[in-house]
Amino acid sequence: MGRTIRVKSWEEFKALVLEKKPKSIVYVIAQSIPAKNLTGLKLILPVEGAQYIFTDSAKGDKLRRTGIPIQTDKKGNHFLTDDDVKNFLRTQLPIDNLKIFSYWTA
């Protein structure tokens, strides 16, 4: 098993992805209980010998570092959509054939 390296900024994570040119990225959408309180996102960049992890959290109606919008349902629960996360990553990380997987479906 390789090292786990925490990345503190979106800009640093993005630079690592563009440098390493991975075939895939994994994301985890985290919901707290109750979902009204916290929504978060974890991005995982798996490379040989290591995995880089970037974590983002909610601030208002978007994520603090990436700016991905947070949706709210009729009951006031906050959530991220898979489509919003994938669209953001595809826009920000112009790597041909980059596969983007949810941790829960990978």
Protein backbone atom coordinates (compact mmCIF):
# COMPACT_ATOMS: atom_id res chain seq x y z
CA MET A 1 0.00 0.00 0.00
CA GLY A 2 1.29 3.46 -0.89
CA ARG A 3 1.34 6.69 1.02
CA THR A 4 -1.71 8.86 1.56
CA ILE A 5 -0.97 12.54 0.98
CA ARG A 6 -3.47 15.25 1.90
CA VAL A 7 -3.66 18.19 -0.47
CA LYS A 8 -4.83 21.47 1.05
CA SER A 9 -5.90 23.51 -1.98
CA TRP A 10 -7.89 22.86 -5.13
CA GLU A 11 -5.16 24.55 -7.17
CA GLU A 12 -2.51 22.15 -5.83
CA PHE A 13 -4.74 19.11 -6.46
CA LYS A 14 -5.51 20.31 -9.99
CA ALA A 15 -1.80 20.82 -10.70
CA LEU A 16 -1.04 17.30 -9.47
CA VAL A 17 -3.73 15.82 -11.71
CA LEU A 18 -2.45 17.72 -14.74
CA GLU A 19 1.13 16.65 -13.95
CA LYS A 20 0.38 12.97 -13.24
CA LYS A 21 -2.23 12.58 -16.03
CA PRO A 22 -4.13 9.74 -14.34
CA LYS A 23 -6.55 7.46 -16.12
CA SER A 24 -9.13 7.98 -13.37
CA ILE A 25 -10.18 10.03 -10.35
CA VAL A 26 -12.45 8.88 -7.55
CA TYR A 27 -14.82 11.11 -5.59
CA VAL A 28 -16.82 10.63 -2.41
CA ILE A 29 -19.84 12.76 -1.60
CA ALA A 30 -20.23 12.90 2.17
CA GLN A 31 -23.52 13.65 3.86
CA SER A 32 -23.83 14.14 7.57
CA ILE A 33 -26.84 13.26 9.68
CA PRO A 34 -29.00 15.30 9.47
CA ALA A 35 -28.21 16.29 5.90
CA LYS A 36 -29.15 19.91 6.64
CA ASN A 37 -25.89 20.44 8.50
CA LEU A 38 -23.00 19.42 6.27
CA THR A 39 -22.21 18.35 2.77
CA GLY A 40 -18.66 17.54 1.73
CA LEU A 41 -16.60 16.20 -1.12
CA LYS A 42 -13.44 14.14 -1.14
CA LEU A 43 -11.39 13.73 -4.33
CA ILE A 44 -8.90 10.89 -4.57
CA LEU A 45 -6.06 10.83 -7.10
CA PRO A 46 -4.61 7.31 -7.20
CA VAL A 47 -1.08 7.11 -8.62
CA GLU A 48 1.60 4.48 -8.34
CA GLY A 49 2.89 4.36 -4.77
CA ALA A 50 0.53 7.02 -3.39
CA GLN A 51 -2.92 8.48 -3.28
CA TYR A 52 -3.54 12.20 -3.05
CA ILE A 53 -6.68 13.30 -1.23
CA PHE A 54 -8.38 16.68 -1.41
CA THR A 55 -11.35 17.49 0.82
CA ASP A 56 -13.85 20.29 0.32
CA SER A 57 -16.69 21.35 2.59
CA ALA A 58 -19.85 23.41 2.38
CA LYS A 59 -20.04 27.14 2.87
CA GLY A 60 -23.45 28.57 2.13
CA ASP A 61 -24.86 27.28 -1.14
CA LYS A 62 -21.57 25.97 -2.58
CA LEU A 63 -18.41 24.15 -1.66
CA ARG A 64 -15.81 26.38 -0.08
CA ARG A 65 -12.80 25.66 -2.35
CA THR A 66 -14.17 24.37 -5.63
CA GLY A 67 -17.38 26.39 -5.75
CA ILE A 68 -19.46 23.37 -6.79
CA PRO A 69 -23.11 24.28 -6.10
CA ILE A 70 -24.98 22.63 -3.25
CA GLN A 71 -28.57 21.66 -4.00
CA THR A 72 -31.40 21.82 -1.45
CA ASP A 73 -34.45 19.58 -1.54
CA LYS A 74 -38.02 20.47 -0.43
CA LYS A 75 -37.26 19.42 3.15
CA GLY A 76 -34.19 21.65 3.37
CA ASN A 77 -31.62 18.85 3.06
CA HIS A 78 -28.39 19.85 1.30
CA PHE A 79 -26.71 17.59 -1.23
CA LEU A 80 -24.30 17.44 -4.15
CA THR A 81 -25.24 15.76 -7.38
CA ASP A 82 -22.99 13.32 -9.21
CA ASP A 83 -23.55 15.31 -12.39
CA ASP A 84 -22.39 18.60 -10.79
CA VAL A 85 -19.22 16.95 -9.48
CA LYS A 86 -18.44 15.20 -12.78
CA ASN A 87 -19.15 18.31 -14.87
CA PHE A 88 -16.88 20.40 -12.64
CA LEU A 89 -14.04 17.86 -12.89
CA ARG A 90 -14.39 17.49 -16.66
CA THR A 91 -14.32 21.27 -17.08
CA GLN A 92 -11.37 21.83 -14.74
CA LEU A 93 -9.27 18.79 -15.72
CA PRO A 94 -8.90 18.67 -19.50
CA ILE A 95 -7.45 15.15 -19.75
CA ASP A 96 -8.63 12.99 -22.64
CA ASN A 97 -10.58 9.91 -21.57
CA LEU A 98 -10.31 10.73 -17.83
CA LYS A 99 -12.62 8.33 -16.01
CA ILE A 100 -14.45 9.77 -13.02
CA PHE A 101 -15.84 7.28 -10.52
CA SER A 102 -17.92 7.62 -7.41
CA TYR A 103 -16.26 5.68 -4.61
CA TRP A 104 -19.55 3.92 -3.97
CA THR A 105 -19.86 2.68 -7.56
CA ALA A 106 -16.17 2.14 -8.41
